[in-house]
Protein backbone atom coordinates (compact mmCIF):
# COMPACT_ATOMS: atom_id res chain seq x y z
CA UNK A 1 58.82 -40.50 3.80
CA UNK A 2 56.99 -37.53 2.27
CA UNK A 3 53.33 -38.21 1.45
CA UNK A 4 51.75 -35.80 -0.98
CA UNK A 5 48.40 -34.50 0.22
CA UNK A 6 45.58 -35.35 -2.16
CA UNK A 7 42.84 -32.78 -2.31
CA UNK A 8 39.36 -34.20 -1.91
CA UNK A 9 37.26 -34.03 -5.08
CA UNK A 10 33.52 -33.89 -5.53
CA UNK A 11 32.07 -35.72 -8.50
CA UNK A 12 28.87 -34.69 -10.24
CA UNK A 13 26.57 -37.74 -10.13
CA UNK A 14 23.32 -36.25 -11.39
CA UNK A 15 21.92 -33.16 -13.17
CA UNK A 16 18.17 -32.65 -13.21
CA UNK A 17 15.99 -29.89 -14.62
CA UNK A 18 14.53 -27.94 -11.71
CA UNK A 19 11.80 -25.33 -11.48
CA UNK A 20 11.95 -22.44 -13.91
CA UNK A 21 15.28 -21.78 -15.61
CA UNK A 22 17.31 -23.71 -13.00
CA UNK A 23 19.05 -27.08 -12.75
CA UNK A 24 19.84 -29.20 -9.70
CA UNK A 25 23.39 -30.56 -9.65
CA UNK A 26 24.00 -33.42 -7.17
CA UNK A 27 27.52 -34.38 -6.11
CA UNK A 28 29.08 -37.52 -4.63
CA UNK A 29 29.51 -35.72 -1.30
CA UNK A 30 25.75 -35.27 -0.92
CA UNK A 31 25.56 -31.63 -1.98
CA UNK A 32 22.85 -30.27 -4.28
CA UNK A 33 23.56 -27.06 -6.15
CA UNK A 34 20.84 -25.02 -7.82
CA UNK A 35 22.35 -23.37 -10.87
CA UNK A 36 21.18 -21.63 -14.03
CA UNK A 37 21.83 -22.83 -17.56
CA UNK A 38 24.39 -20.04 -17.85
CA UNK A 39 26.40 -21.51 -14.97
CA UNK A 40 26.12 -25.01 -16.43
CA UNK A 41 27.79 -23.75 -19.59
CA UNK A 42 30.26 -21.42 -17.89
CA UNK A 43 31.65 -24.07 -15.54
CA UNK A 44 31.10 -26.96 -18.02
CA UNK A 45 29.10 -28.90 -15.46
CA UNK A 46 28.54 -32.44 -16.76
CA UNK A 47 27.76 -35.75 -15.11
CA UNK A 48 31.00 -37.39 -14.01
CA UNK A 49 33.01 -34.19 -13.79
CA UNK A 50 35.19 -33.81 -10.71
CA UNK A 51 35.10 -30.52 -8.85
CA UNK A 52 37.84 -29.21 -6.60
CA UNK A 53 37.04 -27.34 -3.41
CA UNK A 54 38.02 -24.10 -5.11
CA UNK A 55 35.74 -24.78 -8.08
CA UNK A 56 32.87 -25.76 -5.80
CA UNK A 57 33.32 -22.58 -3.76
CA UNK A 58 33.31 -20.44 -6.91
CA UNK A 59 30.19 -22.17 -8.25
CA UNK A 60 28.35 -21.62 -4.96
CA UNK A 61 29.36 -17.98 -4.93
CA UNK A 62 28.17 -17.44 -8.49
CA UNK A 63 25.02 -19.54 -7.95
CA UNK A 64 23.76 -17.34 -5.10
CA UNK A 65 24.02 -14.18 -7.17
CA UNK A 66 22.73 -15.91 -10.31
CA UNK A 67 19.71 -17.37 -8.52
CA UNK A 68 18.92 -14.05 -6.85
CA UNK A 69 19.20 -12.17 -10.15
CA UNK A 70 16.91 -14.59 -11.96
CA UNK A 71 14.30 -14.43 -9.18
CA UNK A 72 14.49 -10.64 -9.03
CA UNK A 73 14.15 -10.34 -12.81
CA UNK A 74 11.05 -12.50 -12.67
CA UNK A 75 9.66 -10.45 -9.77
CA UNK A 76 10.04 -7.11 -11.55
CA UNK A 77 8.82 -8.43 -14.90
CA UNK A 78 5.17 -8.02 -13.84
CA UNK A 79 5.37 -4.44 -12.60
CA UNK A 80 7.76 -1.79 -11.33
CA UNK A 81 9.20 -2.42 -7.88
CA UNK A 82 10.99 -0.22 -5.38
CA UNK A 83 14.46 -1.14 -4.15
CA UNK A 84 13.07 -2.10 -0.75
CA UNK A 85 10.44 -4.36 -2.31
CA UNK A 86 13.12 -6.21 -4.29
CA UNK A 87 15.36 -6.57 -1.23
CA UNK A 88 12.46 -7.88 0.86
CA UNK A 89 11.47 -10.33 -1.87
CA UNK A 90 15.01 -11.71 -2.15
CA UNK A 91 15.30 -12.00 1.63
CA UNK A 92 12.08 -14.01 1.73
CA UNK A 93 13.56 -16.23 -0.98
CA UNK A 94 16.52 -16.84 1.39
CA UNK A 95 19.10 -15.13 -0.81
CA UNK A 96 22.17 -14.18 1.25
CA UNK A 97 22.63 -10.48 2.04
CA UNK A 98 25.87 -10.14 0.09
CA UNK A 99 24.14 -11.64 -2.94
CA UNK A 100 21.09 -9.39 -2.43
CA UNK A 101 23.37 -6.36 -2.47
CA UNK A 102 25.06 -7.53 -5.68
CA UNK A 103 21.71 -8.26 -7.35
CA UNK A 104 20.31 -4.83 -6.47
CA UNK A 105 23.43 -3.09 -7.76
CA UNK A 106 23.24 -5.05 -11.00
CA UNK A 107 19.57 -4.14 -11.47
CA UNK A 108 20.40 -0.49 -10.86
CA UNK A 109 23.12 -0.67 -13.51
CA UNK A 110 20.51 -2.02 -15.93
CA UNK A 111 18.07 0.76 -14.90
CA UNK A 112 15.58 -1.88 -13.79
CA UNK A 113 15.44 -0.44 -10.27
CA UNK A 114 15.05 3.31 -9.87
CA UNK A 115 13.08 4.65 -6.92
CA UNK A 116 12.51 8.00 -8.62
CA UNK A 117 10.97 6.36 -11.70
CA UNK A 118 9.01 4.07 -9.40
CA UNK A 119 7.65 7.04 -7.42
CA UNK A 120 6.62 8.92 -10.56
CA UNK A 121 4.82 5.88 -11.95
CA UNK A 122 3.14 5.19 -8.59
CA UNK A 123 1.80 8.74 -8.36
CA UNK A 124 0.43 8.69 -11.92
CA UNK A 125 -1.33 5.39 -11.22
CA UNK A 126 -2.80 6.57 -7.92
CA UNK A 127 -4.07 9.83 -9.41
CA UNK A 128 -5.75 7.88 -12.21
CA UNK A 129 -7.07 4.92 -10.23
CA UNK A 130 -7.55 5.93 -6.58
CA UNK A 131 -9.21 8.60 -4.44
CA UNK A 132 -6.12 9.35 -2.32
CA UNK A 133 -4.67 12.77 -1.60
CA UNK A 134 -0.95 13.65 -1.51
CA UNK A 135 -0.54 13.02 2.23
CA UNK A 136 -1.68 9.39 1.99
CA UNK A 137 0.27 8.81 -1.22
CA UNK A 138 3.41 10.12 0.48
CA UNK A 139 2.84 7.70 3.35
CA UNK A 140 2.39 4.83 0.93
CA UNK A 141 5.62 5.68 -0.90
CA UNK A 142 7.44 5.84 2.42
CA UNK A 143 6.19 2.34 3.23
CA UNK A 144 7.58 1.23 -0.14
CA UNK A 145 11.00 2.34 1.08
CA UNK A 146 11.40 5.60 -0.84
CA UNK A 147 13.45 8.27 0.88
CA UNK A 148 11.78 11.55 1.83
CA UNK A 149 14.06 13.42 -0.58
CA UNK A 150 12.84 11.24 -3.47
CA UNK A 151 9.20 11.61 -2.41
CA UNK A 152 9.51 15.39 -2.33
CA UNK A 153 11.07 15.29 -5.78
CA UNK A 154 8.23 13.30 -7.38
CA UNK A 155 5.21 14.60 -5.44
CA UNK A 156 4.83 17.80 -7.55
CA UNK A 157 3.53 15.51 -10.31
CA UNK A 158 0.30 15.49 -8.29
CA UNK A 159 -0.62 19.08 -9.02
CA UNK A 160 -3.16 21.11 -7.05
CA UNK A 161 -5.48 21.01 -10.05
CA UNK A 162 -5.33 17.19 -10.06
CA UNK A 163 -5.88 17.12 -6.30
CA UNK A 164 -8.98 19.27 -6.68
CA UNK A 165 -10.38 17.02 -9.41
CA UNK A 166 -9.78 13.78 -7.50
CA UNK A 167 -10.95 15.31 -4.22
CA UNK A 168 -14.09 16.77 -5.78
CA UNK A 169 -15.21 13.37 -7.12
CA UNK A 170 -14.42 11.84 -3.73
CA UNK A 171 -16.50 14.52 -1.99
CA UNK A 172 -19.43 14.00 -4.37
CA UNK A 173 -19.55 10.31 -3.41
CA UNK A 174 -19.33 11.22 0.26
CA UNK A 175 -22.15 13.76 -0.14
CA UNK A 176 -24.46 11.04 -1.48
CA UNK A 177 -23.40 8.79 1.39
CA UNK A 178 -24.12 11.40 4.08
CA UNK A 179 -27.16 13.05 2.50
CA UNK A 180 -29.42 11.82 5.32
CA UNK A 181 -27.45 13.77 7.94
CA UNK A 182 -28.05 17.35 9.01
CA UNK A 183 -26.56 19.93 6.66
CA UNK A 184 -23.91 20.86 9.22
CA UNK A 185 -22.98 17.25 10.01
CA UNK A 186 -22.84 16.38 6.32
CA UNK A 187 -20.28 19.14 5.73
CA UNK A 188 -18.25 18.02 8.74
CA UNK A 189 -18.25 14.40 7.60
CA UNK A 190 -17.25 15.30 4.04
CA UNK A 191 -14.40 17.43 5.39
CA UNK A 192 -13.21 14.64 7.70
CA UNK A 193 -13.49 12.12 4.87
CA UNK A 194 -11.25 14.24 2.63
CA UNK A 195 -8.72 14.70 5.42
CA UNK A 196 -8.58 10.95 5.97
CA UNK A 197 -8.02 10.48 2.24
CA UNK A 198 -4.94 12.68 2.50
CA UNK A 199 -6.00 16.06 1.09
CA UNK A 200 -4.63 19.32 2.44
CA UNK A 201 -6.86 21.89 4.16
CA UNK A 202 -6.57 24.44 1.36
CA UNK A 203 -7.73 21.99 -1.31
CA UNK A 204 -10.52 20.73 0.96
CA UNK A 205 -11.86 24.25 1.41
CA UNK A 206 -11.82 24.86 -2.36
CA UNK A 207 -13.78 21.63 -2.84
CA UNK A 208 -16.35 22.53 -0.17
CA UNK A 209 -16.79 25.97 -1.75
CA UNK A 210 -17.63 24.39 -5.11
CA UNK A 211 -19.91 21.57 -3.97
CA UNK A 212 -23.66 22.17 -4.52
CA UNK A 213 -24.58 21.97 -0.85
CA UNK A 214 -27.34 24.53 -0.41
CA UNK A 215 -29.38 23.72 2.65
CA UNK A 216 -32.67 21.98 1.79
CA UNK A 217 -35.19 22.68 4.54
CA UNK A 218 -37.40 19.69 3.71
CA UNK A 219 -34.40 17.36 3.66
CA UNK A 220 -33.12 18.91 6.89
CA UNK A 221 -36.47 18.31 8.60
CA UNK A 222 -36.61 14.71 7.38
CA UNK A 223 -33.13 14.11 8.78
CA UNK A 224 -34.11 15.67 12.11
CA UNK A 225 -37.28 13.56 12.34
CA UNK A 226 -35.32 10.41 11.55
CA UNK A 227 -32.56 11.11 14.06
CA UNK A 228 -35.02 12.34 16.66
CA UNK A 229 -37.10 9.14 16.39
CA UNK A 230 -33.95 7.08 16.85
CA UNK A 231 -33.01 9.00 19.99
CA UNK A 232 -36.56 8.69 21.35
CA UNK A 233 -36.39 4.90 21.02
CA UNK A 234 -32.95 4.84 22.58
CA UNK A 235 -33.94 6.87 25.65
CA UNK A 236 -37.56 5.80 26.01
CA UNK A 237 -37.01 4.29 29.47
CA UNK A 238 -35.64 7.52 30.95
CA UNK A 239 -37.80 9.96 32.94
CA UNK A 240 -39.37 12.67 30.79
CA UNK A 241 -37.03 15.56 31.66
CA UNK A 242 -33.88 13.48 31.30
CA UNK A 243 -35.22 11.98 28.08
CA UNK A 244 -35.78 15.46 26.62
CA UNK A 245 -32.31 16.55 27.66
CA UNK A 246 -30.67 13.49 26.05
CA UNK A 247 -32.61 13.96 22.82
CA UNK A 248 -31.81 17.65 22.72
CA UNK A 249 -28.08 17.01 23.28
CA UNK A 250 -28.02 14.26 20.67
CA UNK A 251 -29.71 16.36 18.00
CA UNK A 252 -27.49 19.36 18.72
CA UNK A 253 -24.36 17.21 18.39
CA UNK A 254 -25.67 16.06 15.02
CA UNK A 255 -25.67 19.65 13.80
CA UNK A 256 -29.35 20.56 13.91
CA UNK A 257 -30.42 24.13 14.74
CA UNK A 258 -31.58 24.70 18.31
CA UNK A 259 -34.93 26.20 17.20
CA UNK A 260 -35.68 23.15 15.04
CA UNK A 261 -34.74 20.85 17.91
CA UNK A 262 -37.06 22.65 20.31
CA UNK A 263 -39.88 22.47 17.79
CA UNK A 264 -39.35 18.72 17.48
CA UNK A 265 -39.38 18.28 21.25
CA UNK A 266 -42.57 20.32 21.59
CA UNK A 267 -44.33 18.33 18.88
CA UNK A 268 -43.03 14.82 19.40
CA UNK A 269 -41.95 14.41 23.03
CA UNK A 270 -45.27 14.78 24.81
CA UNK A 271 -45.57 15.51 28.52
CA UNK A 272 -46.39 12.53 30.67
């Protein structure tokens, strides 16, 4: 006797409003689907409706993409995001890779993801708000997932004139910070500071040439006295000759002139 196979059906037993624009659909087989209002309407999901395996599979497939798209749209609504940032966000939200790929492609079609536009906006913001040079900004864009070819395309927005302006203000702040150093050490520290901020050597030299850094003899002597006193306290337990040598080396490394150092030693480090 031929027995016709009856396909197993899932019945919707409950539909609850979930977080955000989503609904939770519970079935008689113990499954809970998270779907958007659009999917509720599209598949006519109502309490008591029976779902075939094919329908359930199609809903799950659409729900993954739909959920990922809604989450991505919310994520990019606050500010521009790079493609990598969106992919990472969706991965952390446990969206399947195939759905992540579909979501990203859809956002690109809508011009909501564009790494070139993102890079241009990022550079404009950094030039206006930060003290970073082009090297550091390039590194930051690379961490955001932008390709080198895209970075090279957008980086000219940060012109040399802009670099000089940003770098000059950065150097002025550094000059106030290092004013108690020797003139030579102050210049070295300002230069190193600008390099760490990501400015190129040519721009750094232009900035140093324009900074009002004439050597002030009184200020230089005050810095030497201050540093010399610190070294005297540090090496006070050493024998006299070794103490003098350590102080002399320390002051020289700090950029003070050898004649000024010798004068300090003659006046301050008395013979035992």
